[in-house]
Every structure is written in structure tokens, then in C-alpha cells.
PDB file of all heavy atoms in Angstrom:
ATOM      1  N   ASP A   1      -3.871   1.911   1.692  1.00  0.00           N
ATOM      2  CA  ASP A   1      -4.802   0.776   1.702  1.00  0.00           C
ATOM      3  C   ASP A   1      -6.029   1.065   0.838  1.00  0.00           C
ATOM      4  O   ASP A   1      -6.476   0.207   0.062  1.00  0.00           O
ATOM      5  CB  ASP A   1      -5.252   0.476   3.136  1.00  0.00           C
ATOM      6  CG  ASP A   1      -4.157  -0.138   3.980  1.00  0.00           C
ATOM      7  OD1 ASP A   1      -3.156  -0.605   3.403  1.00  0.00           O
ATOM      8  OD2 ASP A   1      -4.292  -0.147   5.215  1.00  0.00           O
ATOM      9  N   VAL A   2      -6.563   2.255   0.966  1.00  0.00           N
ATOM     10  CA  VAL A   2      -7.760   2.618   0.208  1.00  0.00           C
ATOM     11  C   VAL A   2      -7.444   2.709  -1.280  1.00  0.00           C
ATOM     12  O   VAL A   2      -8.187   2.187  -2.127  1.00  0.00           O
ATOM     13  CB  VAL A   2      -8.334   3.944   0.736  1.00  0.00           C
ATOM     14  CG1 VAL A   2      -9.497   4.408  -0.145  1.00  0.00           C
ATOM     15  CG2 VAL A   2      -8.807   3.797   2.176  1.00  0.00           C
ATOM     16  N   PHE A   3      -6.325   3.344  -1.631  1.00  0.00           N
ATOM     17  CA  PHE A   3      -5.954   3.477  -3.043  1.00  0.00           C
ATOM     18  C   PHE A   3      -5.631   2.129  -3.662  1.00  0.00           C
ATOM     19  O   PHE A   3      -5.859   1.912  -4.850  1.00  0.00           O
ATOM     20  CB  PHE A   3      -4.768   4.429  -3.198  1.00  0.00           C
ATOM     21  CG  PHE A   3      -5.152   5.879  -3.242  1.00  0.00           C
ATOM     22  CD1 PHE A   3      -4.770   6.748  -2.241  1.00  0.00           C
ATOM     23  CD2 PHE A   3      -5.911   6.375  -4.300  1.00  0.00           C
ATOM     24  CE1 PHE A   3      -5.127   8.087  -2.276  1.00  0.00           C
ATOM     25  CE2 PHE A   3      -6.281   7.711  -4.346  1.00  0.00           C
ATOM     26  CZ  PHE A   3      -5.887   8.572  -3.330  1.00  0.00           C
ATOM     27  N   THR A   4      -5.082   1.209  -2.871  1.00  0.00           N
ATOM     28  CA  THR A   4      -4.779  -0.129  -3.388  1.00  0.00           C
ATOM     29  C   THR A   4      -6.046  -0.838  -3.850  1.00  0.00           C
ATOM     30  O   THR A   4      -6.030  -1.589  -4.835  1.00  0.00           O
ATOM     31  CB  THR A   4      -4.072  -0.966  -2.303  1.00  0.00           C
ATOM     32  OG1 THR A   4      -2.847  -0.326  -1.936  1.00  0.00           O
ATOM     33  CG2 THR A   4      -3.761  -2.367  -2.801  1.00  0.00           C
ATOM     34  N   PHE A   5      -7.157  -0.609  -3.152  1.00  0.00           N
ATOM     35  CA  PHE A   5      -8.412  -1.248  -3.520  1.00  0.00           C
ATOM     36  C   PHE A   5      -9.049  -0.579  -4.737  1.00  0.00           C
ATOM     37  O   PHE A   5      -9.551  -1.260  -5.640  1.00  0.00           O
ATOM     38  CB  PHE A   5      -9.388  -1.211  -2.346  1.00  0.00           C
ATOM     39  CG  PHE A   5     -10.759  -1.746  -2.667  1.00  0.00           C
ATOM     40  CD1 PHE A   5     -10.972  -3.108  -2.807  1.00  0.00           C
ATOM     41  CD2 PHE A   5     -11.831  -0.886  -2.844  1.00  0.00           C
ATOM     42  CE1 PHE A   5     -12.225  -3.611  -3.118  1.00  0.00           C
ATOM     43  CE2 PHE A   5     -13.083  -1.367  -3.144  1.00  0.00           C
ATOM     44  CZ  PHE A   5     -13.289  -2.731  -3.283  1.00  0.00           C
ATOM     45  N   PHE A   6      -9.000   0.732  -4.800  1.00  0.00           N
ATOM     46  CA  PHE A   6      -9.733   1.454  -5.840  1.00  0.00           C
ATOM     47  C   PHE A   6      -8.936   1.664  -7.125  1.00  0.00           C
ATOM     48  O   PHE A   6      -9.522   1.981  -8.154  1.00  0.00           O
ATOM     49  CB  PHE A   6     -10.194   2.820  -5.322  1.00  0.00           C
ATOM     50  CG  PHE A   6     -11.350   2.738  -4.358  1.00  0.00           C
ATOM     51  CD1 PHE A   6     -11.143   2.925  -3.004  1.00  0.00           C
ATOM     52  CD2 PHE A   6     -12.632   2.448  -4.806  1.00  0.00           C
ATOM     53  CE1 PHE A   6     -12.202   2.842  -2.108  1.00  0.00           C
ATOM     54  CE2 PHE A   6     -13.685   2.353  -3.922  1.00  0.00           C
ATOM     55  CZ  PHE A   6     -13.474   2.550  -2.568  1.00  0.00           C
ATOM     56  N   SER A   7      -7.630   1.495  -7.104  1.00  0.00           N
ATOM     57  CA  SER A   7      -6.821   1.758  -8.290  1.00  0.00           C
ATOM     58  C   SER A   7      -5.935   0.569  -8.607  1.00  0.00           C
ATOM     59  O   SER A   7      -5.244   0.040  -7.726  1.00  0.00           O
ATOM     60  CB  SER A   7      -5.958   3.008  -8.070  1.00  0.00           C
ATOM     61  OG  SER A   7      -5.104   3.216  -9.178  1.00  0.00           O
ATOM     62  N   GLN A   8      -5.946   0.182  -9.875  1.00  0.00           N
ATOM     63  CA  GLN A   8      -5.078  -0.900 -10.331  1.00  0.00           C
ATOM     64  C   GLN A   8      -3.644  -0.426 -10.574  1.00  0.00           C
ATOM     65  O   GLN A   8      -2.759  -1.244 -10.816  1.00  0.00           O
ATOM     66  CB  GLN A   8      -5.637  -1.492 -11.638  1.00  0.00           C
ATOM     67  CG  GLN A   8      -7.014  -2.096 -11.505  1.00  0.00           C
ATOM     68  CD  GLN A   8      -7.031  -3.328 -10.615  1.00  0.00           C
ATOM     69  OE1 GLN A   8      -6.043  -4.066 -10.571  1.00  0.00           O
ATOM     70  NE2 GLN A   8      -8.119  -3.551  -9.902  1.00  0.00           N
ATOM     71  N   LEU A   9      -3.427   0.890 -10.530  1.00  0.00           N
ATOM     72  CA  LEU A   9      -2.099   1.439 -10.783  1.00  0.00           C
ATOM     73  C   LEU A   9      -1.168   1.292  -9.576  1.00  0.00           C
ATOM     74  O   LEU A   9       0.041   1.430  -9.715  1.00  0.00           O
ATOM     75  CB  LEU A   9      -2.207   2.921 -11.168  1.00  0.00           C
ATOM     76  CG  LEU A   9      -3.022   3.223 -12.435  1.00  0.00           C
ATOM     77  CD1 LEU A   9      -3.105   4.729 -12.655  1.00  0.00           C
ATOM     78  CD2 LEU A   9      -2.395   2.542 -13.650  1.00  0.00           C
ATOM     79  N   VAL A  10      -1.745   1.041  -8.403  1.00  0.00           N
ATOM     80  CA  VAL A  10      -0.926   0.906  -7.192  1.00  0.00           C
ATOM     81  C   VAL A  10      -0.230  -0.454  -7.226  1.00  0.00           C
ATOM     82  O   VAL A  10      -0.888  -1.488  -7.358  1.00  0.00           O
ATOM     83  CB  VAL A  10      -1.795   1.031  -5.928  1.00  0.00           C
ATOM     84  CG1 VAL A  10      -0.936   0.850  -4.688  1.00  0.00           C
ATOM     85  CG2 VAL A  10      -2.499   2.381  -5.898  1.00  0.00           C
ATOM     86  N   PRO A  11       1.099  -0.494  -7.145  1.00  0.00           N
ATOM     87  CA  PRO A  11       1.806  -1.785  -7.183  1.00  0.00           C
ATOM     88  C   PRO A  11       1.407  -2.681  -6.014  1.00  0.00           C
ATOM     89  O   PRO A  11       1.179  -2.200  -4.900  1.00  0.00           O
ATOM     90  CB  PRO A  11       3.280  -1.383  -7.089  1.00  0.00           C
ATOM     91  CG  PRO A  11       3.326   0.062  -7.461  1.00  0.00           C
ATOM     92  CD  PRO A  11       2.013   0.639  -7.032  1.00  0.00           C
ATOM     93  N   GLN A  12       1.340  -3.967  -6.282  1.00  0.00           N
ATOM     94  CA  GLN A  12       1.005  -4.906  -5.220  1.00  0.00           C
ATOM     95  C   GLN A  12       2.113  -4.931  -4.172  1.00  0.00           C
ATOM     96  O   GLN A  12       3.295  -4.979  -4.502  1.00  0.00           O
ATOM     97  CB  GLN A  12       0.805  -6.313  -5.784  1.00  0.00           C
ATOM     98  CG  GLN A  12       0.306  -7.312  -4.750  1.00  0.00           C
ATOM     99  CD  GLN A  12       0.103  -8.694  -5.347  1.00  0.00           C
ATOM    100  OE1 GLN A  12       0.659  -9.006  -6.386  1.00  0.00           O
ATOM    101  NE2 GLN A  12      -0.690  -9.528  -4.690  1.00  0.00           N
ATOM    102  N   GLY A  13       1.724  -4.891  -2.926  1.00  0.00           N
ATOM    103  CA  GLY A  13       2.674  -4.893  -1.839  1.00  0.00           C
ATOM    104  C   GLY A  13       2.989  -3.517  -1.291  1.00  0.00           C
ATOM    105  O   GLY A  13       3.619  -3.398  -0.231  1.00  0.00           O
ATOM    106  N   LEU A  14       2.543  -2.456  -1.997  1.00  0.00           N
ATOM    107  CA  LEU A  14       2.823  -1.105  -1.514  1.00  0.00           C
ATOM    108  C   LEU A  14       2.109  -0.817  -0.197  1.00  0.00           C
ATOM    109  O   LEU A  14       2.625  -0.075   0.649  1.00  0.00           O
ATOM    110  CB  LEU A  14       2.407  -0.075  -2.571  1.00  0.00           C
ATOM    111  CG  LEU A  14       2.767   1.384  -2.256  1.00  0.00           C
ATOM    112  CD1 LEU A  14       4.280   1.549  -2.152  1.00  0.00           C
ATOM    113  CD2 LEU A  14       2.207   2.315  -3.330  1.00  0.00           C
ATOM    114  N   ASP A  15       0.918  -1.422  -0.005  1.00  0.00           N
ATOM    115  CA  ASP A  15       0.198  -1.214   1.255  1.00  0.00           C
ATOM    116  C   ASP A  15       0.982  -1.779   2.431  1.00  0.00           C
ATOM    117  O   ASP A  15       1.085  -1.149   3.493  1.00  0.00           O
ATOM    118  CB  ASP A  15      -1.195  -1.843   1.174  1.00  0.00           C
ATOM    119  CG  ASP A  15      -1.166  -3.308   0.771  1.00  0.00           C
ATOM    120  OD1 ASP A  15      -0.116  -3.757   0.252  1.00  0.00           O
ATOM    121  OD2 ASP A  15      -2.180  -4.003   0.951  1.00  0.00           O
ATOM    122  N   ARG A  16       1.570  -2.986   2.247  1.00  0.00           N
ATOM    123  CA  ARG A  16       2.372  -3.575   3.321  1.00  0.00           C
ATOM    124  C   ARG A  16       3.660  -2.766   3.542  1.00  0.00           C
ATOM    125  O   ARG A  16       4.103  -2.596   4.681  1.00  0.00           O
ATOM    126  CB  ARG A  16       2.724  -5.020   2.986  1.00  0.00           C
ATOM    127  CG  ARG A  16       1.522  -5.954   2.872  1.00  0.00           C
ATOM    128  CD  ARG A  16       0.824  -6.121   4.214  1.00  0.00           C
ATOM    129  NE  ARG A  16      -0.159  -7.163   4.180  1.00  0.00           N
ATOM    130  CZ  ARG A  16      -1.445  -7.001   3.852  1.00  0.00           C
ATOM    131  NH1 ARG A  16      -1.886  -5.790   3.528  1.00  0.00           N
ATOM    132  NH2 ARG A  16      -2.283  -8.016   3.853  1.00  0.00           N
ATOM    133  N   LEU A  17       4.249  -2.280   2.463  1.00  0.00           N
ATOM    134  CA  LEU A  17       5.471  -1.490   2.593  1.00  0.00           C
ATOM    135  C   LEU A  17       5.212  -0.210   3.376  1.00  0.00           C
ATOM    136  O   LEU A  17       5.997   0.160   4.259  1.00  0.00           O
ATOM    137  CB  LEU A  17       6.031  -1.155   1.208  1.00  0.00           C
ATOM    138  CG  LEU A  17       7.306  -0.307   1.186  1.00  0.00           C
ATOM    139  CD1 LEU A  17       8.441  -1.025   1.900  1.00  0.00           C
ATOM    140  CD2 LEU A  17       7.699   0.034  -0.249  1.00  0.00           C
ATOM    141  N   MET A  18       4.083   0.453   3.101  1.00  0.00           N
ATOM    142  CA  MET A  18       3.771   1.693   3.808  1.00  0.00           C
ATOM    143  C   MET A  18       3.483   1.417   5.278  1.00  0.00           C
ATOM    144  O   MET A  18       3.852   2.212   6.150  1.00  0.00           O
ATOM    145  CB  MET A  18       2.563   2.368   3.147  1.00  0.00           C
ATOM    146  CG  MET A  18       2.320   3.787   3.633  1.00  0.00           C
ATOM    147  SD  MET A  18       3.687   4.881   3.230  1.00  0.00           S
ATOM    148  CE  MET A  18       3.890   5.760   4.771  1.00  0.00           C
ATOM    149  N   LEU A  19       2.836   0.289   5.563  1.00  0.00           N
ATOM    150  CA  LEU A  19       2.585  -0.073   6.956  1.00  0.00           C
ATOM    151  C   LEU A  19       3.902  -0.356   7.680  1.00  0.00           C
ATOM    152  O   LEU A  19       4.091   0.040   8.841  1.00  0.00           O
ATOM    153  CB  LEU A  19       1.662  -1.294   7.030  1.00  0.00           C
ATOM    154  CG  LEU A  19       1.295  -1.793   8.431  1.00  0.00           C
ATOM    155  CD1 LEU A  19       0.634  -0.690   9.249  1.00  0.00           C
ATOM    156  CD2 LEU A  19       0.385  -3.019   8.339  1.00  0.00           C
ATOM    157  N   ALA A  20       4.839  -1.039   6.999  1.00  0.00           N
ATOM    158  CA  ALA A  20       6.142  -1.304   7.592  1.00  0.00           C
ATOM    159  C   ALA A  20       6.883   0.003   7.875  1.00  0.00           C
ATOM    160  O   ALA A  20       7.536   0.150   8.918  1.00  0.00           O
ATOM    161  CB  ALA A  20       6.974  -2.194   6.672  1.00  0.00           C
ATOM    162  N   VAL A  21       6.786   0.960   6.942  1.00  0.00           N
ATOM    163  CA  VAL A  21       7.417   2.269   7.157  1.00  0.00           C
ATOM    164  C   VAL A  21       6.803   2.963   8.368  1.00  0.00           C
ATOM    165  O   VAL A  21       7.515   3.546   9.204  1.00  0.00           O
ATOM    166  CB  VAL A  21       7.281   3.138   5.899  1.00  0.00           C
ATOM    167  CG1 VAL A  21       7.700   4.581   6.186  1.00  0.00           C
ATOM    168  CG2 VAL A  21       8.113   2.569   4.757  1.00  0.00           C
ATOM    169  N   ALA A  22       5.479   2.904   8.496  1.00  0.00           N
ATOM    170  CA  ALA A  22       4.799   3.552   9.629  1.00  0.00           C
ATOM    171  C   ALA A  22       5.257   2.952  10.959  1.00  0.00           C
ATOM    172  O   ALA A  22       5.517   3.681  11.927  1.00  0.00           O
ATOM    173  CB  ALA A  22       3.287   3.419   9.473  1.00  0.00           C
ATOM    174  N   VAL A  23       5.366   1.620  11.012  1.00  0.00           N
ATOM    175  CA  VAL A  23       5.798   0.970  12.243  1.00  0.00           C
ATOM    176  C   VAL A  23       7.258   1.309  12.536  1.00  0.00           C
ATOM    177  O   VAL A  23       7.638   1.547  13.691  1.00  0.00           O
ATOM    178  CB  VAL A  23       5.600  -0.560  12.140  1.00  0.00           C
ATOM    179  CG1 VAL A  23       6.109  -1.250  13.397  1.00  0.00           C
ATOM    180  CG2 VAL A  23       4.127  -0.885  11.931  1.00  0.00           C
ATOM    181  N   PHE A  24       8.094   1.363  11.488  1.00  0.00           N
ATOM    182  CA  PHE A  24       9.502   1.712  11.678  1.00  0.00           C
ATOM    183  C   PHE A  24       9.643   3.146  12.194  1.00  0.00           C
ATOM    184  O   PHE A  24      10.464   3.415  13.092  1.00  0.00           O
ATOM    185  CB  PHE A  24      10.262   1.547  10.368  1.00  0.00           C
ATOM    186  CG  PHE A  24      11.719   1.899  10.463  1.00  0.00           C
ATOM    187  CD1 PHE A  24      12.614   1.017  11.040  1.00  0.00           C
ATOM    188  CD2 PHE A  24      12.183   3.114   9.976  1.00  0.00           C
ATOM    189  CE1 PHE A  24      13.964   1.344  11.136  1.00  0.00           C
ATOM    190  CE2 PHE A  24      13.526   3.446  10.075  1.00  0.00           C
ATOM    191  CZ  PHE A  24      14.422   2.561  10.646  1.00  0.00           C
TER     192      PHE A  24
END
């Protein structure tokens, strides 16, 4: 989440994907 805000290199949607992985 933090890297998504500070870096444009992070693909859009990666924050949601990582959250889904954490819940899984």
C-alpha cells in the first residue's frame, strides 16, 4: 500500500492483490 502511493512503478491493482493473498 505504501509503495503504491510513493512509486509509479508499482502496477495498479497490486495492493488489492496482496491484500487478497493475505486474506487467503
